[in-house]
């Protein structure tokens, strides 16, 4: 029953990380969309000199937004790789635990079905024969 709660806890933590990663990607994309539309909606200035100056500022702002978007995507990629590494290490640990537990279970089963049956049969023998077997084994 405890294994179920650990598995459930790991699953919940995994889903929380996935949700956080998706939220960060969505927030980044929404921010890029919002700021690019904000730049497009700036009021037009009737003076040509001011308009050229404003266009130059907008050009740099778009580049800054694009660079920020690229940086955010790079950061998300790095976080995704770290997250993948964490998930992989958890999976390896669980696989090792399962393999160890399976080996112990098989070992117990083999002992019970072979040596355990032999010992039960010896216990059924009369006392004299049990003593002789004990002497032979202890030599």
N, C-alpha and C. Protein backbone atom coordinates (compact mmCIF):
# COMPACT_ATOMS: atom_id res chain seq x y z
N UNK A 1 0.83 -1.19 0.00
CA UNK A 1 0.00 0.00 0.00
C UNK A 1 0.87 1.25 0.00
N UNK A 2 2.02 1.17 0.70
CA UNK A 2 2.93 2.30 0.76
C UNK A 2 3.50 2.60 -0.63
N UNK A 3 3.79 1.56 -1.40
CA UNK A 3 4.30 1.73 -2.76
C UNK A 3 3.31 2.51 -3.62
N UNK A 4 2.03 2.28 -3.39
CA UNK A 4 1.01 3.00 -4.16
C UNK A 4 1.08 4.49 -3.87
N UNK A 5 1.25 4.85 -2.59
CA UNK A 5 1.31 6.27 -2.24
C UNK A 5 2.59 6.92 -2.78
N UNK A 6 3.72 6.17 -2.76
CA UNK A 6 4.95 6.70 -3.32
C UNK A 6 4.79 6.91 -4.82
N UNK A 7 4.19 5.96 -5.48
CA UNK A 7 3.98 6.06 -6.93
C UNK A 7 3.06 7.24 -7.23
N UNK A 8 2.01 7.38 -6.43
CA UNK A 8 1.07 8.47 -6.62
C UNK A 8 1.76 9.81 -6.39
N UNK A 9 2.62 9.88 -5.37
CA UNK A 9 3.35 11.11 -5.06
C UNK A 9 4.29 11.46 -6.21
N UNK A 10 4.99 10.47 -6.74
CA UNK A 10 5.91 10.70 -7.86
C UNK A 10 5.11 11.15 -9.09
N UNK A 11 3.97 10.49 -9.35
CA UNK A 11 3.15 10.88 -10.48
C UNK A 11 2.66 12.32 -10.32
N UNK A 12 2.21 12.69 -9.12
CA UNK A 12 1.75 14.05 -8.89
C UNK A 12 2.88 15.04 -9.09
N UNK A 13 4.09 14.73 -8.62
CA UNK A 13 5.23 15.61 -8.78
C UNK A 13 5.59 15.73 -10.26
N UNK A 14 5.53 14.62 -10.99
CA UNK A 14 5.79 14.62 -12.42
C UNK A 14 4.79 15.52 -13.15
N UNK A 15 3.52 15.37 -12.84
CA UNK A 15 2.51 16.20 -13.49
C UNK A 15 2.66 17.67 -13.11
N UNK A 16 3.08 17.97 -11.90
CA UNK A 16 3.30 19.35 -11.48
C UNK A 16 4.44 19.96 -12.30
N UNK A 17 5.51 19.21 -12.51
CA UNK A 17 6.62 19.72 -13.31
C UNK A 17 6.19 19.96 -14.76
N UNK A 18 5.44 19.02 -15.32
CA UNK A 18 4.97 19.17 -16.70
C UNK A 18 4.07 20.40 -16.80
N UNK A 19 3.14 20.56 -15.85
CA UNK A 19 2.25 21.71 -15.86
C UNK A 19 3.03 23.01 -15.75
N UNK A 20 4.04 23.05 -14.88
CA UNK A 20 4.85 24.25 -14.72
C UNK A 20 5.60 24.58 -16.00
N UNK A 21 6.16 23.56 -16.64
CA UNK A 21 6.88 23.75 -17.88
C UNK A 21 5.96 24.29 -18.97
N UNK A 22 4.78 23.71 -19.10
CA UNK A 22 3.81 24.18 -20.09
C UNK A 22 3.34 25.60 -19.78
N UNK A 23 3.17 25.91 -18.49
CA UNK A 23 2.76 27.26 -18.09
C UNK A 23 3.83 28.28 -18.49
N UNK A 24 5.10 27.95 -18.25
CA UNK A 24 6.18 28.87 -18.62
C UNK A 24 6.25 29.08 -20.13
N UNK A 25 6.08 28.01 -20.89
CA UNK A 25 6.08 28.14 -22.35
C UNK A 25 4.90 29.01 -22.80
N UNK A 26 3.73 28.75 -22.24
CA UNK A 26 2.54 29.53 -22.60
C UNK A 26 2.69 30.99 -22.22
N UNK A 27 3.23 31.27 -21.04
CA UNK A 27 3.42 32.65 -20.60
C UNK A 27 4.42 33.36 -21.51
N UNK A 28 5.45 32.67 -21.92
CA UNK A 28 6.44 33.26 -22.81
C UNK A 28 5.82 33.60 -24.16
N UNK A 29 5.07 32.66 -24.71
CA UNK A 29 4.43 32.90 -26.01
C UNK A 29 3.40 34.02 -25.92
N UNK A 30 2.62 34.03 -24.84
CA UNK A 30 1.63 35.09 -24.66
C UNK A 30 2.32 36.45 -24.52
N UNK A 31 3.43 36.51 -23.76
CA UNK A 31 4.17 37.76 -23.60
C UNK A 31 4.69 38.28 -24.92
N UNK A 32 5.25 37.38 -25.74
CA UNK A 32 5.74 37.79 -27.07
C UNK A 32 4.58 38.31 -27.92
N UNK A 33 3.46 37.61 -27.91
CA UNK A 33 2.29 38.03 -28.68
C UNK A 33 1.77 39.37 -28.18
N UNK A 34 1.65 39.53 -26.88
CA UNK A 34 1.11 40.75 -26.28
C UNK A 34 1.97 41.95 -26.63
N UNK A 35 3.29 41.84 -26.46
CA UNK A 35 4.17 42.97 -26.72
C UNK A 35 4.29 43.28 -28.20
N UNK A 36 4.23 42.27 -29.05
CA UNK A 36 4.30 42.57 -30.49
C UNK A 36 3.03 43.27 -30.94
N UNK A 37 1.87 42.90 -30.40
CA UNK A 37 0.62 43.60 -30.74
C UNK A 37 0.60 44.99 -30.14
N UNK A 38 1.16 45.16 -28.96
CA UNK A 38 1.21 46.47 -28.30
C UNK A 38 2.01 47.44 -29.15
N UNK A 39 3.10 46.97 -29.74
CA UNK A 39 3.93 47.82 -30.59
C UNK A 39 3.16 48.21 -31.85
N UNK A 40 2.40 47.28 -32.41
CA UNK A 40 1.64 47.56 -33.63
C UNK A 40 0.53 48.56 -33.38
N UNK A 41 0.01 48.64 -32.16
CA UNK A 41 -1.12 49.50 -31.86
C UNK A 41 -0.73 50.89 -31.36
N UNK A 42 0.55 51.22 -31.38
CA UNK A 42 0.96 52.56 -30.92
C UNK A 42 0.37 53.61 -31.86
N UNK A 43 -0.04 54.76 -31.30
CA UNK A 43 -0.65 55.80 -32.14
C UNK A 43 0.35 56.37 -33.13
N UNK A 44 -0.15 56.68 -34.32
CA UNK A 44 0.71 57.23 -35.36
C UNK A 44 0.98 58.71 -35.08
N UNK A 45 2.19 59.08 -35.36
CA UNK A 45 2.60 60.47 -35.16
C UNK A 45 2.66 61.11 -36.55
N UNK A 46 2.09 62.29 -36.65
CA UNK A 46 1.95 62.91 -37.96
C UNK A 46 3.26 63.51 -38.46
N UNK A 47 4.12 63.84 -37.61
CA UNK A 47 5.38 64.43 -38.04
C UNK A 47 6.28 63.34 -38.57
N UNK A 48 6.89 63.58 -39.74
CA UNK A 48 7.73 62.58 -40.37
C UNK A 48 8.98 62.30 -39.54
N UNK A 49 9.57 63.28 -38.98
CA UNK A 49 10.79 63.08 -38.19
C UNK A 49 10.47 62.23 -36.97
N UNK A 50 9.37 62.56 -36.28
CA UNK A 50 8.98 61.79 -35.10
C UNK A 50 8.59 60.37 -35.49
N UNK A 51 7.96 60.22 -36.66
CA UNK A 51 7.54 58.89 -37.12
C UNK A 51 8.75 58.01 -37.40
N UNK A 52 9.77 58.57 -38.05
CA UNK A 52 10.98 57.79 -38.33
C UNK A 52 11.67 57.38 -37.03
N UNK A 53 11.73 58.34 -36.08
CA UNK A 53 12.35 58.04 -34.80
C UNK A 53 11.58 56.94 -34.08
N UNK A 54 10.26 57.03 -34.14
CA UNK A 54 9.41 56.03 -33.48
C UNK A 54 9.60 54.66 -34.15
N UNK A 55 9.68 54.62 -35.48
CA UNK A 55 9.88 53.36 -36.20
C UNK A 55 11.20 52.71 -35.81
N UNK A 56 12.25 53.55 -35.65
CA UNK A 56 13.54 53.01 -35.23
C UNK A 56 13.43 52.41 -33.83
N UNK A 57 12.71 53.12 -32.92
CA UNK A 57 12.54 52.60 -31.56
C UNK A 57 11.74 51.30 -31.58
N UNK A 58 10.70 51.26 -32.41
CA UNK A 58 9.89 50.04 -32.51
C UNK A 58 10.72 48.89 -33.06
N UNK A 59 11.57 49.18 -34.01
CA UNK A 59 12.42 48.15 -34.60
C UNK A 59 13.31 47.52 -33.53
N UNK A 60 13.91 48.37 -32.71
CA UNK A 60 14.75 47.85 -31.63
C UNK A 60 13.92 47.10 -30.60
N UNK A 61 12.72 47.56 -30.33
CA UNK A 61 11.87 46.90 -29.35
C UNK A 61 11.48 45.51 -29.84
N UNK A 62 11.18 45.39 -31.11
CA UNK A 62 10.82 44.08 -31.67
C UNK A 62 12.02 43.14 -31.56
N UNK A 63 13.20 43.65 -31.89
CA UNK A 63 14.40 42.82 -31.76
C UNK A 63 14.62 42.39 -30.32
N UNK A 64 14.41 43.33 -29.39
CA UNK A 64 14.58 42.98 -27.99
C UNK A 64 13.58 41.91 -27.56
N UNK A 65 12.33 42.06 -28.04
CA UNK A 65 11.30 41.06 -27.69
C UNK A 65 11.67 39.71 -28.30
N UNK A 66 12.13 39.71 -29.55
CA UNK A 66 12.53 38.45 -30.19
C UNK A 66 13.73 37.83 -29.47
N UNK A 67 14.69 38.66 -29.11
CA UNK A 67 15.86 38.13 -28.38
C UNK A 67 15.44 37.58 -27.03
N UNK A 68 14.54 38.29 -26.36
CA UNK A 68 14.05 37.80 -25.07
C UNK A 68 13.30 36.47 -25.25
N UNK A 69 12.51 36.39 -26.34
CA UNK A 69 11.80 35.15 -26.63
C UNK A 69 12.77 34.00 -26.88
N UNK A 70 13.83 34.27 -27.63
CA UNK A 70 14.84 33.24 -27.90
C UNK A 70 15.52 32.81 -26.60
N UNK A 71 15.82 33.79 -25.75
CA UNK A 71 16.45 33.47 -24.46
C UNK A 71 15.52 32.62 -23.61
N UNK A 72 14.23 32.99 -23.60
CA UNK A 72 13.26 32.22 -22.82
C UNK A 72 13.16 30.79 -23.34
N UNK A 73 13.13 30.62 -24.65
CA UNK A 73 13.06 29.28 -25.24
C UNK A 73 14.31 28.49 -24.90
N UNK A 74 15.47 29.16 -24.95
CA UNK A 74 16.72 28.48 -24.59
C UNK A 74 16.69 28.03 -23.13
N UNK A 75 16.21 28.92 -22.25
CA UNK A 75 16.09 28.58 -20.83
C UNK A 75 15.13 27.42 -20.63
N UNK A 76 13.99 27.46 -21.33
CA UNK A 76 13.01 26.38 -21.21
C UNK A 76 13.59 25.05 -21.70
N UNK A 77 14.37 25.12 -22.76
CA UNK A 77 15.00 23.91 -23.29
C UNK A 77 15.95 23.34 -22.25
N UNK A 78 16.75 24.22 -21.61
CA UNK A 78 17.67 23.76 -20.58
C UNK A 78 16.92 23.15 -19.41
N UNK A 79 15.84 23.82 -18.97
CA UNK A 79 15.04 23.29 -17.86
C UNK A 79 14.42 21.95 -18.24
N UNK A 80 13.98 21.85 -19.49
CA UNK A 80 13.41 20.58 -19.96
C UNK A 80 14.43 19.46 -19.92
N UNK A 81 15.67 19.77 -20.30
CA UNK A 81 16.72 18.75 -20.25
C UNK A 81 17.01 18.34 -18.81
N UNK A 82 17.05 19.33 -17.90
CA UNK A 82 17.26 19.01 -16.49
C UNK A 82 16.12 18.16 -15.96
N UNK A 83 14.90 18.53 -16.32
CA UNK A 83 13.72 17.78 -15.89
C UNK A 83 13.77 16.36 -16.43
N UNK A 84 14.15 16.22 -17.70
CA UNK A 84 14.28 14.89 -18.29
C UNK A 84 15.31 14.05 -17.55
N UNK A 85 16.42 14.68 -17.17
CA UNK A 85 17.44 13.97 -16.39
C UNK A 85 16.91 13.51 -15.05
N UNK A 86 16.13 14.37 -14.40
CA UNK A 86 15.55 14.01 -13.11
C UNK A 86 14.58 12.84 -13.26
N UNK A 87 13.73 12.92 -14.28
CA UNK A 87 12.76 11.84 -14.51
C UNK A 87 13.49 10.53 -14.79
N UNK A 88 14.55 10.62 -15.60
CA UNK A 88 15.32 9.41 -15.93
C UNK A 88 15.96 8.81 -14.69
N UNK A 89 16.52 9.66 -13.82
CA UNK A 89 17.15 9.13 -12.60
C UNK A 89 16.12 8.47 -11.69
N UNK A 90 14.92 9.07 -11.59
CA UNK A 90 13.86 8.47 -10.76
C UNK A 90 13.45 7.12 -11.36
N UNK A 91 13.32 7.07 -12.66
CA UNK A 91 12.93 5.82 -13.31
C UNK A 91 14.00 4.74 -13.12
N UNK A 92 15.28 5.12 -13.23
CA UNK A 92 16.36 4.14 -13.01
C UNK A 92 16.34 3.63 -11.58
N UNK A 93 16.12 4.53 -10.63
CA UNK A 93 16.08 4.13 -9.23
C UNK A 93 14.93 3.16 -8.98
N UNK A 94 13.77 3.46 -9.52
CA UNK A 94 12.61 2.58 -9.35
C UNK A 94 12.84 1.23 -10.01
N UNK A 95 13.45 1.23 -11.20
CA UNK A 95 13.73 -0.03 -11.89
C UNK A 95 14.70 -0.89 -11.07
N UNK A 96 15.69 -0.25 -10.47
CA UNK A 96 16.65 -0.97 -9.62
C UNK A 96 15.94 -1.56 -8.40
N UNK A 97 15.07 -0.77 -7.78
CA UNK A 97 14.32 -1.26 -6.62
C UNK A 97 13.46 -2.46 -7.00
N UNK A 98 12.77 -2.36 -8.13
CA UNK A 98 11.89 -3.45 -8.57
C UNK A 98 12.71 -4.69 -8.88
N UNK A 99 13.86 -4.52 -9.54
CA UNK A 99 14.71 -5.67 -9.87
C UNK A 99 15.23 -6.34 -8.60
N UNK A 100 15.65 -5.53 -7.63
CA UNK A 100 16.15 -6.08 -6.37
C UNK A 100 15.06 -6.84 -5.64
N UNK A 101 13.89 -6.23 -5.58
CA UNK A 101 12.76 -6.87 -4.90
C UNK A 101 12.36 -8.16 -5.62
N UNK A 102 12.38 -8.15 -6.94
CA UNK A 102 12.03 -9.35 -7.70
C UNK A 102 13.04 -10.47 -7.45
N UNK A 103 14.32 -10.12 -7.42
CA UNK A 103 15.35 -11.13 -7.17
C UNK A 103 15.17 -11.75 -5.79
N UNK A 104 14.85 -10.93 -4.80
CA UNK A 104 14.64 -11.44 -3.44
C UNK A 104 13.41 -12.36 -3.42
N UNK A 105 12.36 -11.96 -4.09
CA UNK A 105 11.14 -12.78 -4.13
C UNK A 105 11.42 -14.13 -4.79
N UNK A 106 12.15 -14.11 -5.90
CA UNK A 106 12.48 -15.36 -6.59
C UNK A 106 13.36 -16.23 -5.70
N UNK A 107 14.32 -15.62 -5.05
CA UNK A 107 15.21 -16.36 -4.15
C UNK A 107 14.41 -17.01 -3.02
N UNK A 108 13.51 -16.26 -2.42
CA UNK A 108 12.67 -16.82 -1.34
C UNK A 108 11.80 -17.97 -1.86
N UNK A 109 11.25 -17.79 -3.05
CA UNK A 109 10.40 -18.83 -3.63
C UNK A 109 11.20 -20.10 -3.88
N UNK A 110 12.40 -19.97 -4.44
CA UNK A 110 13.23 -21.14 -4.74
C UNK A 110 13.60 -21.85 -3.44
N UNK A 111 13.97 -21.07 -2.41
CA UNK A 111 14.32 -21.68 -1.13
C UNK A 111 13.13 -22.42 -0.54
N UNK A 112 11.97 -21.77 -0.53
CA UNK A 112 10.78 -22.40 0.06
C UNK A 112 10.37 -23.66 -0.70
N UNK A 113 10.50 -23.63 -2.02
CA UNK A 113 10.03 -24.78 -2.79
C UNK A 113 11.04 -25.94 -2.81
N UNK A 114 12.30 -25.67 -2.50
CA UNK A 114 13.29 -26.76 -2.52
C UNK A 114 13.73 -27.12 -1.11
N UNK A 115 14.53 -26.27 -0.53
CA UNK A 115 15.09 -26.56 0.80
C UNK A 115 13.97 -26.59 1.84
N UNK A 116 13.02 -25.70 1.71
CA UNK A 116 11.90 -25.68 2.66
C UNK A 116 11.13 -26.99 2.65
N UNK A 117 10.86 -27.53 1.46
CA UNK A 117 10.17 -28.82 1.37
C UNK A 117 11.02 -29.95 1.94
N UNK A 118 12.33 -29.90 1.70
CA UNK A 118 13.23 -30.92 2.23
C UNK A 118 13.21 -30.90 3.75
N UNK A 119 13.25 -29.70 4.34
CA UNK A 119 13.23 -29.60 5.80
C UNK A 119 11.91 -30.09 6.38
N UNK A 120 10.82 -29.81 5.70
CA UNK A 120 9.52 -30.30 6.17
C UNK A 120 9.47 -31.82 6.14
N UNK A 121 10.05 -32.42 5.12
CA UNK A 121 10.08 -33.88 5.02
C UNK A 121 10.96 -34.47 6.12
N UNK A 122 12.06 -33.83 6.42
CA UNK A 122 12.94 -34.31 7.50
C UNK A 122 12.21 -34.25 8.83
N UNK A 123 11.43 -33.19 9.05
CA UNK A 123 10.69 -33.05 10.30
C UNK A 123 9.66 -34.17 10.48
N UNK A 124 9.20 -34.74 9.40
CA UNK A 124 8.21 -35.82 9.47
C UNK A 124 8.85 -37.16 9.84
N UNK A 125 10.16 -37.27 9.71
CA UNK A 125 10.85 -38.53 10.02
C UNK A 125 10.88 -38.78 11.53
N UNK A 126 11.07 -40.02 11.91
CA UNK A 126 11.23 -40.32 13.34
C UNK A 126 12.49 -39.65 13.89
N UNK A 127 12.51 -39.48 15.18
CA UNK A 127 13.57 -38.75 15.86
C UNK A 127 14.96 -39.36 15.58
N UNK A 128 15.09 -40.63 15.58
CA UNK A 128 16.38 -41.29 15.36
C UNK A 128 16.94 -40.97 13.98
N UNK A 129 16.07 -41.01 12.98
CA UNK A 129 16.53 -40.71 11.62
C UNK A 129 16.90 -39.23 11.49
N UNK A 130 16.15 -38.36 12.16
CA UNK A 130 16.49 -36.94 12.14
C UNK A 130 17.87 -36.70 12.75
N UNK A 131 18.17 -37.39 13.83
CA UNK A 131 19.47 -37.25 14.49
C UNK A 131 20.59 -37.71 13.57
N UNK A 132 20.37 -38.82 12.85
CA UNK A 132 21.39 -39.32 11.92
C UNK A 132 21.64 -38.31 10.80
N UNK A 133 20.56 -37.74 10.27
CA UNK A 133 20.70 -36.73 9.20
C UNK A 133 21.45 -35.51 9.72
N UNK A 134 21.13 -35.10 10.93
CA UNK A 134 21.80 -33.94 11.54
C UNK A 134 23.29 -34.22 11.70
N UNK A 135 23.65 -35.42 12.13
CA UNK A 135 25.05 -35.78 12.29
C UNK A 135 25.78 -35.77 10.96
N UNK A 136 25.13 -36.26 9.92
CA UNK A 136 25.74 -36.31 8.58
C UNK A 136 25.95 -34.89 8.03
N UNK A 137 25.00 -34.05 8.27
CA UNK A 137 25.10 -32.67 7.75
C UNK A 137 26.17 -31.89 8.50
N UNK A 138 26.27 -32.11 9.81
CA UNK A 138 27.22 -31.35 10.63
C UNK A 138 28.67 -31.80 10.44
N UNK A 139 28.94 -32.90 9.83
CA UNK A 139 30.30 -33.38 9.64
C UNK A 139 31.09 -32.55 8.70
